[in-house]
Amino acid sequence: MKKSLLLFSSAFLCLFANAQEQDEIKKGFQRELADRFPSFRIIDLQYQQYLPSDFDSELYKQDYQEGTLQNHSRLKLAVNLPVIRKPKWNITTSLNYTYESLTVNNLTNTGTYNGPVNNNTSDFHYLAGALSFTYFSKMFNKPFIYNASVFVDGSEQSAERIKGFVGGTIVLKRNARTTISTGLLVFIDPASPVPVAPVFTLEHKFENSQWVFDCFLPNRLLFRHPLFKNSRILLGSELTSNGFYAYPNRAGFADVYDYRQLEIKTGFTYETILNHQFIAYFKGGLSNVFNSRFTERGEVTSKYILSTQQNATGYFNVGVSFNPFAKKPEKRD
């Protein structure tokens, strides 16, 4: 669901553009989208590292194991390319790759099921590709954007699932300091926990201040402020989702399981523009995982077989992006 919301933002964020004409709206959309989400820049490469944290788990809702997630790192690459550009519509493609490494120590069985307790390091590869269609229109003389996307994901072993969604967005209010927009997203995915999801955004520039409140629900609540000549800092919380496909190759289990993790990251982001089109950034803070489940491929997450709960822990990200739409942080008197 989270990946769909981010893809949907490609249509949604264009509503922040100040232009009135169709072509100017599209240019504003491209600029604002890449400005807010690193993974939607032309190329984005980032490395994520978590500090050690203790965890416990349940298998079929019964106590299973506990231990320490000693090392957890993630390398992510995103590429976004235009396919067709027309005055009123666009087709774009997105490619994503994630390499995830987890090292578990001090494993002990806590229930009746005796699982393996040897310390181990597991590596996973996740790949996804998407094709998105965006149509620019007007409703009640306000910008209205339709979006439809289909994407395929899997691992280095096989493509596993095909999913999709359709959505629409409209501006409710826009003036010099405040923009409020809303939209609706319909999932074409039998494994989605909900069939429909509302989306809401609020951008507010505080009077006589360079602080801006940036709200994109259910994804993020941030405050941003320009810093130095070509830099800015962001403070707040973001909902992030990650996952991969696992192949247990054990009797009594399915061939393929879908692992999904939802976490809230609270902290700061520092971004600086390098050479006009390249952006370097660093993130740090506290991660709280509130949903971490293995489900059989194609099943809703409520039908999970294995779940884990882990303590909050620190994290940091370092990344670099290529963004031809990069703009200097705005400074106002």
C-alpha atoms as a PDB file:
ATOM      1  CA  MET A   1       0.000   0.000   0.000  1.00  0.00           C
ATOM      2  CA  LYS A   2       2.790   2.406   0.868  1.00  0.00           C
ATOM      3  CA  LYS A   3       4.465   2.001  -2.508  1.00  0.00           C
ATOM      4  CA  SER A   4       1.154   2.764  -4.200  1.00  0.00           C
ATOM      5  CA  LEU A   5       0.762   5.928  -2.136  1.00  0.00           C
ATOM      6  CA  LEU A   6       4.195   7.104  -3.208  1.00  0.00           C
ATOM      7  CA  LEU A   7       3.464   6.379  -6.857  1.00  0.00           C
ATOM      8  CA  PHE A   8       0.157   8.200  -6.467  1.00  0.00           C
ATOM      9  CA  SER A   9       2.030  11.230  -5.135  1.00  0.00           C
ATOM     10  CA  SER A  10       3.491  11.704  -8.616  1.00  0.00           C
ATOM     11  CA  ALA A  11       0.072  12.947  -9.659  1.00  0.00           C
ATOM     12  CA  PHE A  12      -0.870  14.490  -6.351  1.00  0.00           C
ATOM     13  CA  LEU A  13       2.078  16.782  -5.757  1.00  0.00           C
ATOM     14  CA  CYS A  14       1.613  18.680  -9.003  1.00  0.00           C
ATOM     15  CA  LEU A  15      -1.274  20.414  -7.302  1.00  0.00           C
ATOM     16  CA  PHE A  16       1.262  22.530  -5.433  1.00  0.00           C
ATOM     17  CA  ALA A  17       2.364  24.223  -8.642  1.00  0.00           C
ATOM     18  CA  ASN A  18       1.430  27.889  -8.888  1.00  0.00           C
ATOM     19  CA  ALA A  19       1.055  27.850 -12.680  1.00  0.00           C
ATOM     20  CA  GLN A  20      -2.316  28.079 -14.374  1.00  0.00           C
ATOM     21  CA  GLU A  21      -1.609  26.695 -17.825  1.00  0.00           C
ATOM     22  CA  GLN A  22      -1.439  22.965 -18.502  1.00  0.00           C
ATOM     23  CA  ASP A  23       2.241  22.867 -19.473  1.00  0.00           C
ATOM     24  CA  GLU A  24       3.262  24.983 -16.486  1.00  0.00           C
ATOM     25  CA  ILE A  25       1.269  22.746 -14.151  1.00  0.00           C
ATOM     26  CA  LYS A  26       3.172  19.724 -15.457  1.00  0.00           C
ATOM     27  CA  LYS A  27       6.517  21.436 -14.944  1.00  0.00           C
ATOM     28  CA  GLY A  28       5.479  22.353 -11.416  1.00  0.00           C
ATOM     29  CA  PHE A  29       4.440  18.753 -10.772  1.00  0.00           C
ATOM     30  CA  GLN A  30       7.823  17.370 -11.838  1.00  0.00           C
ATOM     31  CA  ARG A  31       9.698  19.912  -9.742  1.00  0.00           C
ATOM     32  CA  GLU A  32       7.645  19.503  -6.571  1.00  0.00           C
ATOM     33  CA  LEU A  33       7.555  15.710  -6.746  1.00  0.00           C
ATOM     34  CA  ALA A  34      11.323  15.362  -7.055  1.00  0.00           C
ATOM     35  CA  ASP A  35      11.832  18.063  -4.430  1.00  0.00           C
ATOM     36  CA  ARG A  36       9.855  16.203  -1.754  1.00  0.00           C
ATOM     37  CA  PHE A  37      10.612  12.523  -2.435  1.00  0.00           C
ATOM     38  CA  PRO A  38      14.209  11.423  -3.183  1.00  0.00           C
ATOM     39  CA  SER A  39      12.979   8.082  -4.563  1.00  0.00           C
ATOM     40  CA  PHE A  40      11.151   9.981  -7.351  1.00  0.00           C
ATOM     41  CA  ARG A  41      14.185  11.825  -8.648  1.00  0.00           C
ATOM     42  CA  ILE A  42      15.668  10.636 -11.941  1.00  0.00           C
ATOM     43  CA  ILE A  43      18.244   8.572 -10.025  1.00  0.00           C
ATOM     44  CA  ASP A  44      18.461   8.068  -6.268  1.00  0.00           C
ATOM     45  CA  LEU A  45      20.960   5.901  -4.394  1.00  0.00           C
ATOM     46  CA  GLN A  46      20.830   5.591  -0.616  1.00  0.00           C
ATOM     47  CA  TYR A  47      22.273   3.468   2.176  1.00  0.00           C
ATOM     48  CA  GLN A  48      20.351   2.865   5.419  1.00  0.00           C
ATOM     49  CA  GLN A  49      21.782   1.526   8.677  1.00  0.00           C
ATOM     50  CA  TYR A  50      20.014   0.648  11.938  1.00  0.00           C
ATOM     51  CA  LEU A  51      21.502   0.261  15.411  1.00  0.00           C
ATOM     52  CA  PRO A  52      21.116  -3.129  17.182  1.00  0.00           C
ATOM     53  CA  SER A  53      17.716  -3.868  18.755  1.00  0.00           C
ATOM     54  CA  ASP A  54      16.075  -6.764  20.608  1.00  0.00           C
ATOM     55  CA  PHE A  55      13.036  -8.506  19.163  1.00  0.00           C
ATOM     56  CA  ASP A  56      10.577 -11.317  19.800  1.00  0.00           C
ATOM     57  CA  SER A  57       8.362 -13.203  17.374  1.00  0.00           C
ATOM     58  CA  GLU A  58       5.189 -15.264  17.074  1.00  0.00           C
ATOM     59  CA  LEU A  59       4.531 -18.174  14.716  1.00  0.00           C
ATOM     60  CA  TYR A  60       0.835 -18.795  14.020  1.00  0.00           C
ATOM     61  CA  LYS A  61       0.131 -16.291  16.855  1.00  0.00           C
ATOM     62  CA  GLN A  62       2.034 -18.416  19.391  1.00  0.00           C
ATOM     63  CA  ASP A  63       5.337 -17.488  21.068  1.00  0.00           C
ATOM     64  CA  TYR A  64       8.210 -18.502  18.808  1.00  0.00           C
ATOM     65  CA  GLN A  65      11.653 -16.911  19.252  1.00  0.00           C
ATOM     66  CA  GLU A  66      13.470 -13.896  20.658  1.00  0.00           C
ATOM     67  CA  GLY A  67      16.904 -12.477  20.000  1.00  0.00           C
ATOM     68  CA  THR A  68      18.909  -9.458  18.881  1.00  0.00           C
ATOM     69  CA  LEU A  69      18.896  -7.920  15.431  1.00  0.00           C
ATOM     70  CA  GLN A  70      22.583  -7.122  15.603  1.00  0.00           C
ATOM     71  CA  ASN A  71      22.995  -5.595  12.176  1.00  0.00           C
ATOM     72  CA  HIS A  72      20.359  -4.359   9.740  1.00  0.00           C
ATOM     73  CA  SER A  73      21.334  -2.460   6.599  1.00  0.00           C
ATOM     74  CA  ARG A  74      19.645  -1.608   3.335  1.00  0.00           C
ATOM     75  CA  LEU A  75      20.921  -0.340  -0.037  1.00  0.00           C
ATOM     76  CA  LYS A  76      18.298   1.180  -2.344  1.00  0.00           C
ATOM     77  CA  LEU A  77      18.423   2.337  -5.960  1.00  0.00           C
ATOM     78  CA  ALA A  78      15.532   4.083  -7.730  1.00  0.00           C
ATOM     79  CA  VAL A  79      15.381   5.160 -11.385  1.00  0.00           C
ATOM     80  CA  ASN A  80      12.478   7.160 -12.849  1.00  0.00           C
ATOM     81  CA  LEU A  81      12.273   7.879 -16.567  1.00  0.00           C
ATOM     82  CA  PRO A  82       9.701   9.541 -18.851  1.00  0.00           C
ATOM     83  CA  VAL A  83       8.335   7.344 -21.651  1.00  0.00           C
ATOM     84  CA  ILE A  84       5.853   9.652 -23.421  1.00  0.00           C
ATOM     85  CA  ARG A  85       5.136  13.324 -22.743  1.00  0.00           C
ATOM     86  CA  LYS A  86       2.077  15.040 -24.190  1.00  0.00           C
ATOM     87  CA  PRO A  87       0.448  18.396 -23.337  1.00  0.00           C
ATOM     88  CA  LYS A  88      -2.290  16.768 -21.231  1.00  0.00           C
ATOM     89  CA  TRP A  89      -0.834  13.412 -20.257  1.00  0.00           C
ATOM     90  CA  ASN A  90       2.362  11.578 -19.394  1.00  0.00           C
ATOM     91  CA  ILE A  91       3.549   7.990 -19.228  1.00  0.00           C
ATOM     92  CA  THR A  92       6.504   7.291 -16.941  1.00  0.00           C
ATOM     93  CA  THR A  93       8.352   4.214 -15.772  1.00  0.00           C
ATOM     94  CA  SER A  94       9.996   3.502 -12.414  1.00  0.00           C
ATOM     95  CA  LEU A  95      12.550   0.844 -11.505  1.00  0.00           C
ATOM     96  CA  ASN A  96      13.538   0.019  -7.922  1.00  0.00           C
ATOM     97  CA  TYR A  97      16.109  -2.318  -6.403  1.00  0.00           C
ATOM     98  CA  THR A  98      16.714  -3.019  -2.690  1.00  0.00           C
ATOM     99  CA  TYR A  99      19.432  -5.132  -1.114  1.00  0.00           C
ATOM    100  CA  GLU A 100      18.698  -5.934   2.528  1.00  0.00           C
ATOM    101  CA  SER A 101      21.030  -7.638   5.018  1.00  0.00           C
ATOM    102  CA  LEU A 102      20.026  -8.828   8.516  1.00  0.00           C
ATOM    103  CA  THR A 103      22.268 -10.421  11.150  1.00  0.00           C
ATOM    104  CA  VAL A 104      20.525 -12.135  14.089  1.00  0.00           C
ATOM    105  CA  ASN A 105      22.286 -13.071  17.353  1.00  0.00           C
ATOM    106  CA  ASN A 106      21.295 -14.635  20.693  1.00  0.00           C
ATOM    107  CA  LEU A 107      18.326 -16.557  19.290  1.00  0.00           C
ATOM    108  CA  THR A 108      16.321 -18.606  21.792  1.00  0.00           C
ATOM    109  CA  ASN A 109      13.063 -20.513  21.453  1.00  0.00           C
ATOM    110  CA  THR A 110      10.267 -19.164  23.629  1.00  0.00           C
ATOM    111  CA  GLY A 111       7.390 -21.421  22.598  1.00  0.00           C
ATOM    112  CA  THR A 112       6.542 -25.012  21.823  1.00  0.00           C
ATOM    113  CA  TYR A 113       7.875 -24.861  18.268  1.00  0.00           C
ATOM    114  CA  ASN A 114      11.638 -25.462  18.205  1.00  0.00           C
ATOM    115  CA  GLY A 115      13.110 -23.423  15.402  1.00  0.00           C
ATOM    116  CA  PRO A 116      16.805 -23.077  14.482  1.00  0.00           C
ATOM    117  CA  VAL A 117      18.724 -21.004  17.045  1.00  0.00           C
ATOM    118  CA  ASN A 118      22.042 -20.554  15.253  1.00  0.00           C
ATOM    119  CA  ASN A 119      23.206 -16.997  14.664  1.00  0.00           C
ATOM    120  CA  ASN A 120      22.977 -16.110  10.998  1.00  0.00           C
ATOM    121  CA  THR A 121      23.093 -13.398   8.362  1.00  0.00           C
ATOM    122  CA  SER A 122      20.388 -13.336   5.696  1.00  0.00           C
ATOM    123  CA  ASP A 123      20.509 -11.336   2.467  1.00  0.00           C
ATOM    124  CA  PHE A 124      17.492 -10.433   0.338  1.00  0.00           C
ATOM    125  CA  HIS A 125      17.038  -8.796  -3.056  1.00  0.00           C
ATOM    126  CA  TYR A 126      13.820  -6.954  -3.932  1.00  0.00           C
ATOM    127  CA  LEU A 127      13.027  -5.623  -7.414  1.00  0.00           C
ATOM    128  CA  ALA A 128      10.023  -3.659  -8.670  1.00  0.00           C
ATOM    129  CA  GLY A 129       9.036  -1.972 -11.907  1.00  0.00           C
ATOM    130  CA  ALA A 130       6.093   0.366 -12.511  1.00  0.00           C
ATOM    131  CA  LEU A 131       4.376   2.021 -15.465  1.00  0.00           C
ATOM    132  CA  SER A 132       2.255   5.084 -14.649  1.00  0.00           C
ATOM    133  CA  PHE A 133      -0.225   7.124 -16.683  1.00  0.00           C
ATOM    134  CA  THR A 134      -1.080  10.662 -15.529  1.00  0.00           C
ATOM    135  CA  TYR A 135      -3.767  12.863 -17.096  1.00  0.00           C
ATOM    136  CA  PHE A 136      -3.984  16.600 -16.345  1.00  0.00           C
ATOM    137  CA  SER A 137      -7.450  18.155 -16.371  1.00  0.00           C
ATOM    138  CA  LYS A 138      -9.722  20.554 -14.471  1.00  0.00           C
ATOM    139  CA  MET A 139     -12.804  20.141 -12.314  1.00  0.00           C
ATOM    140  CA  PHE A 140     -14.823  23.136 -11.098  1.00  0.00           C
ATOM    141  CA  ASN A 141     -12.102  25.271 -12.725  1.00  0.00           C
ATOM    142  CA  LYS A 142      -9.467  23.733 -10.436  1.00  0.00           C
ATOM    143  CA  PRO A 143      -6.544  21.463 -11.382  1.00  0.00           C
ATOM    144  CA  PHE A 144      -7.619  17.824 -11.281  1.00  0.00           C
ATOM    145  CA  ILE A 145      -5.228  14.955 -11.922  1.00  0.00           C
ATOM    146  CA  TYR A 146      -6.037  11.343 -12.766  1.00  0.00           C
ATOM    147  CA  ASN A 147      -3.441   8.637 -12.280  1.00  0.00           C
ATOM    148  CA  ALA A 148      -3.292   4.913 -12.993  1.00  0.00           C
ATOM    149  CA  SER A 149      -0.313   2.662 -12.333  1.00  0.00           C
ATOM    150  CA  VAL A 150       0.578  -0.984 -12.700  1.00  0.00           C
ATOM    151  CA  PHE A 151       3.680  -2.536 -11.222  1.00  0.00           C
ATOM    152  CA  VAL A 152       5.411  -5.891 -10.965  1.00  0.00           C
ATOM    153  CA  ASP A 153       7.654  -6.894  -8.082  1.00  0.00           C
ATOM    154  CA  GLY A 154       9.687  -9.901  -7.070  1.00  0.00           C
ATOM    155  CA  SER A 155      13.219 -11.018  -6.294  1.00  0.00           C
ATOM    156  CA  GLU A 156      16.347 -12.162  -8.115  1.00  0.00           C
ATOM    157  CA  GLN A 157      14.686 -15.580  -8.364  1.00  0.00           C
ATOM    158  CA  SER A 158      11.368 -14.667  -9.965  1.00  0.00           C
ATOM    159  CA  ALA A 159       8.708 -12.052 -10.613  1.00  0.00           C
ATOM    160  CA  GLU A 160       6.076 -12.661  -7.945  1.00  0.00           C
ATOM    161  CA  ARG A 161       3.098 -10.297  -8.146  1.00  0.00           C
ATOM    162  CA  ILE A 162       1.303  -7.793 -10.399  1.00  0.00           C
ATOM    163  CA  LYS A 163      -0.568  -4.945  -8.686  1.00  0.00           C
ATOM    164  CA  GLY A 164      -2.170  -1.661  -9.631  1.00  0.00           C
ATOM    165  CA  PHE A 165      -4.221   1.332  -8.562  1.00  0.00           C
ATOM    166  CA  VAL A 166      -6.215   4.268  -9.930  1.00  0.00           C
ATOM    167  CA  GLY A 167      -6.760   7.622  -8.262  1.00  0.00           C
ATOM    168  CA  GLY A 168      -7.728  11.259  -8.586  1.00  0.00           C
ATOM    169  CA  THR A 169      -6.870  14.491  -6.764  1.00  0.00           C
ATOM    170  CA  ILE A 170      -8.208  18.041  -6.538  1.00  0.00           C
ATOM    171  CA  VAL A 171      -7.215  21.310  -4.836  1.00  0.00           C
ATOM    172  CA  LEU A 172      -9.546  22.518  -2.079  1.00  0.00           C
ATOM    173  CA  LYS A 173      -7.729  25.750  -1.229  1.00  0.00           C
ATOM    174  CA  ARG A 174      -4.715  27.617  -2.583  1.00  0.00           C
ATOM    175  CA  ASN A 175      -3.356  31.040  -1.756  1.00  0.00           C
ATOM    176  CA  ALA A 176       0.056  32.644  -1.224  1.00  0.00           C
ATOM    177  CA  ARG A 177       0.718  30.780   2.033  1.00  0.00           C
ATOM    178  CA  THR A 178      -1.541  27.719   2.188  1.00  0.00           C
ATOM    179  CA  THR A 179      -2.432  24.869  -0.148  1.00  0.00           C
ATOM    180  CA  ILE A 180      -4.910  22.140   0.827  1.00  0.00           C
ATOM    181  CA  SER A 181      -5.635  19.187  -1.446  1.00  0.00           C
ATOM    182  CA  THR A 182      -7.353  15.840  -1.205  1.00  0.00           C
ATOM    183  CA  GLY A 183      -7.637  12.671  -3.228  1.00  0.00           C
ATOM    184  CA  LEU A 184      -8.785   9.073  -3.340  1.00  0.00           C
ATOM    185  CA  LEU A 185      -6.833   5.943  -4.199  1.00  0.00           C
ATOM    186  CA  VAL A 186      -8.435   2.650  -5.309  1.00  0.00           C
ATOM    187  CA  PHE A 187      -6.221  -0.447  -5.086  1.00  0.00           C
ATOM    188  CA  ILE A 188      -6.315  -3.203  -7.686  1.00  0.00           C
ATOM    189  CA  ASP A 189      -4.732  -5.760  -5.402  1.00  0.00           C
ATOM    190  CA  PRO A 190      -6.586  -8.591  -3.620  1.00  0.00           C
ATOM    191  CA  ALA A 191      -3.861  -8.637  -0.939  1.00  0.00           C
ATOM    192  CA  SER A 192      -4.310  -4.962  -0.042  1.00  0.00           C
ATOM    193  CA  PRO A 193      -5.475  -4.473   3.579  1.00  0.00           C
ATOM    194  CA  VAL A 194      -7.970  -1.819   2.377  1.00  0.00           C
ATOM    195  CA  PRO A 195      -9.656  -1.416  -1.042  1.00  0.00           C
ATOM    196  CA  VAL A 196      -9.730   2.401  -0.941  1.00  0.00           C
ATOM    197  CA  ALA A 197      -7.552   4.998   0.798  1.00  0.00           C
ATOM    198  CA  PRO A 198      -8.020   8.773   1.153  1.00  0.00           C
ATOM    199  CA  VAL A 199      -5.034  11.087   0.735  1.00  0.00           C
ATOM    200  CA  PHE A 200      -4.692  14.594   2.188  1.00  0.00           C
ATOM    201  CA  THR A 201      -2.014  17.269   1.847  1.00  0.00           C
ATOM    202  CA  LEU A 202      -1.413  20.592   3.531  1.00  0.00           C
ATOM    203  CA  GLU A 203       1.459  22.956   2.842  1.00  0.00           C
ATOM    204  CA  HIS A 204       1.556  26.091   4.992  1.00  0.00           C
ATOM    205  CA  LYS A 205       4.186  28.838   4.936  1.00  0.00           C
ATOM    206  CA  PHE A 206       4.322  30.573   8.306  1.00  0.00           C
ATOM    207  CA  GLU A 207       3.964  34.341   8.279  1.00  0.00           C
ATOM    208  CA  ASN A 208       7.203  36.304   8.646  1.00  0.00           C
ATOM    209  CA  SER A 209       9.150  33.051   8.842  1.00  0.00           C
ATOM    210  CA  GLN A 210      11.108  30.738   6.563  1.00  0.00           C
ATOM    211  CA  TRP A 211       9.570  27.647   8.185  1.00  0.00           C
ATOM    212  CA  VAL A 212       7.131  25.601   6.076  1.00  0.00           C
ATOM    213  CA  PHE A 213       4.775  22.900   7.374  1.00  0.00           C
ATOM    214  CA  ASP A 214       4.606  19.988   4.905  1.00  0.00           C
ATOM    215  CA  CYS A 215       1.885  17.404   5.552  1.00  0.00           C
ATOM    216  CA  PHE A 216       1.177  14.469   3.241  1.00  0.00           C
ATOM    217  CA  LEU A 217      -1.129  11.998   4.976  1.00  0.00           C
ATOM    218  CA  PRO A 218      -0.720   9.163   5.604  1.00  0.00           C
ATOM    219  CA  ASN A 219       2.943   9.487   4.632  1.00  0.00           C
ATOM    220  CA  ARG A 220       4.626  12.376   6.446  1.00  0.00           C
ATOM    221  CA  LEU A 221       4.459  15.341   8.812  1.00  0.00           C
ATOM    222  CA  LEU A 222       7.472  17.618   8.417  1.00  0.00           C
ATOM    223  CA  PHE A 223       8.730  21.133   9.043  1.00  0.00           C
ATOM    224  CA  ARG A 224      11.351  22.413   6.606  1.00  0.00           C
ATOM    225  CA  HIS A 225      13.658  25.424   6.676  1.00  0.00           C
ATOM    226  CA  PRO A 226      16.400  26.705   4.316  1.00  0.00           C
ATOM    227  CA  LEU A 227      19.895  26.388   5.730  1.00  0.00           C
ATOM    228  CA  PHE A 228      23.033  28.033   4.367  1.00  0.00           C
ATOM    229  CA  LYS A 229      23.143  28.880   0.646  1.00  0.00           C
ATOM    230  CA  ASN A 230      21.990  25.696  -1.110  1.00  0.00           C
ATOM    231  CA  SER A 231      20.806  23.543   1.784  1.00  0.00           C
ATOM    232  CA  ARG A 232      17.799  22.887   3.957  1.00  0.00           C
ATOM    233  CA  ILE A 233      16.819  20.927   7.051  1.00  0.00           C
ATOM    234  CA  LEU A 234      13.616  18.940   7.617  1.00  0.00           C
ATOM    235  CA  LEU A 235      12.261  17.877  11.017  1.00  0.00           C
ATOM    236  CA  GLY A 236       9.389  15.483  11.688  1.00  0.00           C
ATOM    237  CA  SER A 237       8.060  11.977  11.117  1.00  0.00           C
ATOM    238  CA  GLU A 238       7.631   9.750   8.070  1.00  0.00           C
ATOM    239  CA  LEU A 239       5.819   6.472   7.527  1.00  0.00           C
ATOM    240  CA  THR A 240       7.997   4.089   5.527  1.00  0.00           C
ATOM    241  CA  SER A 241       7.460   0.598   4.173  1.00  0.00           C
ATOM    242  CA  ASN A 242       9.971  -2.021   3.126  1.00  0.00           C
ATOM    243  CA  GLY A 243       9.841  -5.684   2.306  1.00  0.00           C
ATOM    244  CA  PHE A 244      11.062  -8.625   0.286  1.00  0.00           C
ATOM    245  CA  TYR A 245      10.097 -12.122  -0.816  1.00  0.00           C
ATOM    246  CA  ALA A 246      11.390 -15.123   1.146  1.00  0.00           C
ATOM    247  CA  TYR A 247      11.716 -18.758   0.062  1.00  0.00           C
ATOM    248  CA  PRO A 248      11.907 -20.977   3.197  1.00  0.00           C
ATOM    249  CA  ASN A 249      12.314 -24.299   1.356  1.00  0.00           C
ATOM    250  CA  ARG A 250      11.041 -26.153   4.432  1.00  0.00           C
ATOM    251  CA  ALA A 251       8.398 -28.839   4.814  1.00  0.00           C
ATOM    252  CA  GLY A 252       5.041 -27.550   6.019  1.00  0.00           C
ATOM    253  CA  PHE A 253       5.536 -24.054   4.614  1.00  0.00           C
ATOM    254  CA  ALA A 254       4.519 -22.403   1.345  1.00  0.00           C
ATOM    255  CA  ASP A 255       7.036 -21.885  -1.443  1.00  0.00           C
ATOM    256  CA  VAL A 256       6.977 -18.067  -1.294  1.00  0.00           C
ATOM    257  CA  TYR A 257       6.282 -15.606   1.523  1.00  0.00           C
ATOM    258  CA  ASP A 258       5.853 -11.856   1.322  1.00  0.00           C
ATOM    259  CA  TYR A 259       7.511  -9.905   4.146  1.00  0.00           C
ATOM    260  CA  ARG A 260       6.292  -6.369   4.814  1.00  0.00           C
ATOM    261  CA  GLN A 261       7.426  -3.921   7.490  1.00  0.00           C
ATOM    262  CA  LEU A 262       5.862  -0.596   8.433  1.00  0.00           C
ATOM    263  CA  GLU A 263       7.814   1.847  10.560  1.00  0.00           C
ATOM    264  CA  ILE A 264       7.652   5.454  11.683  1.00  0.00           C
ATOM    265  CA  LYS A 265      10.926   7.328  11.456  1.00  0.00           C
ATOM    266  CA  THR A 266      11.183  10.480  13.549  1.00  0.00           C
ATOM    267  CA  GLY A 267      14.199  12.708  13.164  1.00  0.00           C
ATOM    268  CA  PHE A 268      15.896  15.131  10.802  1.00  0.00           C
ATOM    269  CA  THR A 269      17.014  15.332   7.186  1.00  0.00           C
ATOM    270  CA  TYR A 270      19.782  17.572   5.874  1.00  0.00           C
ATOM    271  CA  GLU A 271      19.910  18.153   2.103  1.00  0.00           C
ATOM    272  CA  THR A 272      22.350  20.165   0.025  1.00  0.00           C
ATOM    273  CA  ILE A 273      22.489  20.836  -3.724  1.00  0.00           C
ATOM    274  CA  LEU A 274      25.742  19.887  -5.443  1.00  0.00           C
ATOM    275  CA  ASN A 275      26.579  21.198  -8.907  1.00  0.00           C
ATOM    276  CA  HIS A 276      22.982  22.333  -9.611  1.00  0.00           C
ATOM    277  CA  GLN A 277      21.534  18.887 -10.430  1.00  0.00           C
ATOM    278  CA  PHE A 278      22.934  16.579  -7.744  1.00  0.00           C
ATOM    279  CA  ILE A 279      21.590  16.445  -4.197  1.00  0.00           C
ATOM    280  CA  ALA A 280      23.349  14.840  -1.226  1.00  0.00           C
ATOM    281  CA  TYR A 281      21.416  14.115   1.956  1.00  0.00           C
ATOM    282  CA  PHE A 282      21.781  12.665   5.435  1.00  0.00           C
ATOM    283  CA  LYS A 283      18.996  11.430   7.705  1.00  0.00           C
ATOM    284  CA  GLY A 284      19.062  10.352  11.330  1.00  0.00           C
ATOM    285  CA  GLY A 285      16.698   9.686  14.199  1.00  0.00           C
ATOM    286  CA  LEU A 286      14.571   7.038  15.891  1.00  0.00           C
ATOM    287  CA  SER A 287      12.781   4.160  14.147  1.00  0.00           C
ATOM    288  CA  ASN A 288       9.639   2.543  15.589  1.00  0.00           C
ATOM    289  CA  VAL A 289       8.484  -0.618  13.785  1.00  0.00           C
ATOM    290  CA  PHE A 290       4.781  -1.233  14.423  1.00  0.00           C
ATOM    291  CA  ASN A 291       3.975  -3.877  11.813  1.00  0.00           C
ATOM    292  CA  SER A 292       6.346  -6.640  10.715  1.00  0.00           C
ATOM    293  CA  ARG A 293       4.773  -9.740   9.159  1.00  0.00           C
ATOM    294  CA  PHE A 294       5.332 -12.695   6.836  1.00  0.00           C
ATOM    295  CA  THR A 295       2.318 -13.741   4.780  1.00  0.00           C
ATOM    296  CA  GLU A 296       1.915 -16.286   2.045  1.00  0.00           C
ATOM    297  CA  ARG A 297       2.273 -14.598  -1.342  1.00  0.00           C
ATOM    298  CA  GLY A 298      -1.013 -13.008  -2.421  1.00  0.00           C
ATOM    299  CA  GLU A 299      -2.654 -13.121   1.022  1.00  0.00           C
ATOM    300  CA  VAL A 300      -3.700 -10.046   3.010  1.00  0.00           C
ATOM    301  CA  THR A 301      -1.387  -9.159   5.894  1.00  0.00           C
ATOM    302  CA  SER A 302      -4.079 -10.063   8.443  1.00  0.00           C
ATOM    303  CA  LYS A 303      -3.507 -13.710   7.446  1.00  0.00           C
ATOM    304  CA  TYR A 304       0.150 -13.653   8.480  1.00  0.00           C
ATOM    305  CA  ILE A 305       1.964 -16.730   9.788  1.00  0.00           C
ATOM    306  CA  LEU A 306       4.952 -15.003  11.425  1.00  0.00           C
ATOM    307  CA  SER A 307       5.131 -11.606  13.106  1.00  0.00           C
ATOM    308  CA  THR A 308       7.935  -9.831  14.941  1.00  0.00           C
ATOM    309  CA  GLN A 309       8.023  -7.016  17.473  1.00  0.00           C
ATOM    310  CA  GLN A 310      11.228  -5.085  18.014  1.00  0.00           C
ATOM    311  CA  ASN A 311      12.365  -2.277  20.255  1.00  0.00           C
ATOM    312  CA  ALA A 312      12.762   1.250  18.947  1.00  0.00           C
ATOM    313  CA  THR A 313      16.252   1.928  17.657  1.00  0.00           C
ATOM    314  CA  GLY A 314      18.372   4.600  16.050  1.00  0.00           C
ATOM    315  CA  TYR A 315      19.019   4.847  12.314  1.00  0.00           C
ATOM    316  CA  PHE A 316      20.827   6.922   9.724  1.00  0.00           C
ATOM    317  CA  ASN A 317      20.616   7.270   5.928  1.00  0.00           C
ATOM    318  CA  VAL A 318      23.101   8.714   3.469  1.00  0.00           C
ATOM    319  CA  GLY A 319      22.173   9.271  -0.137  1.00  0.00           C
ATOM    320  CA  VAL A 320      22.792  11.093  -3.394  1.00  0.00           C
ATOM    321  CA  SER A 321      20.298  11.940  -6.142  1.00  0.00           C
ATOM    322  CA  PHE A 322      20.386  13.227  -9.688  1.00  0.00           C
ATOM    323  CA  ASN A 323      17.587  15.755 -10.007  1.00  0.00           C
ATOM    324  CA  PRO A 324      17.430  18.077 -13.049  1.00  0.00           C
ATOM    325  CA  PHE A 325      14.508  19.856 -11.356  1.00  0.00           C
ATOM    326  CA  ALA A 326      16.622  20.783  -8.303  1.00  0.00           C
ATOM    327  CA  LYS A 327      15.855  24.221  -6.939  1.00  0.00           C
ATOM    328  CA  LYS A 328      17.494  26.270  -4.257  1.00  0.00           C
ATOM    329  CA  PRO A 329      15.606  26.512  -0.948  1.00  0.00           C
ATOM    330  CA  GLU A 330      13.343  29.526  -1.032  1.00  0.00           C
ATOM    331  CA  LYS A 331      14.214  32.423   1.230  1.00  0.00           C
ATOM    332  CA  ARG A 332      11.705  35.065   2.099  1.00  0.00           C
ATOM    333  CA  ASP A 333      12.056  38.284   3.996  1.00  0.00           C
END
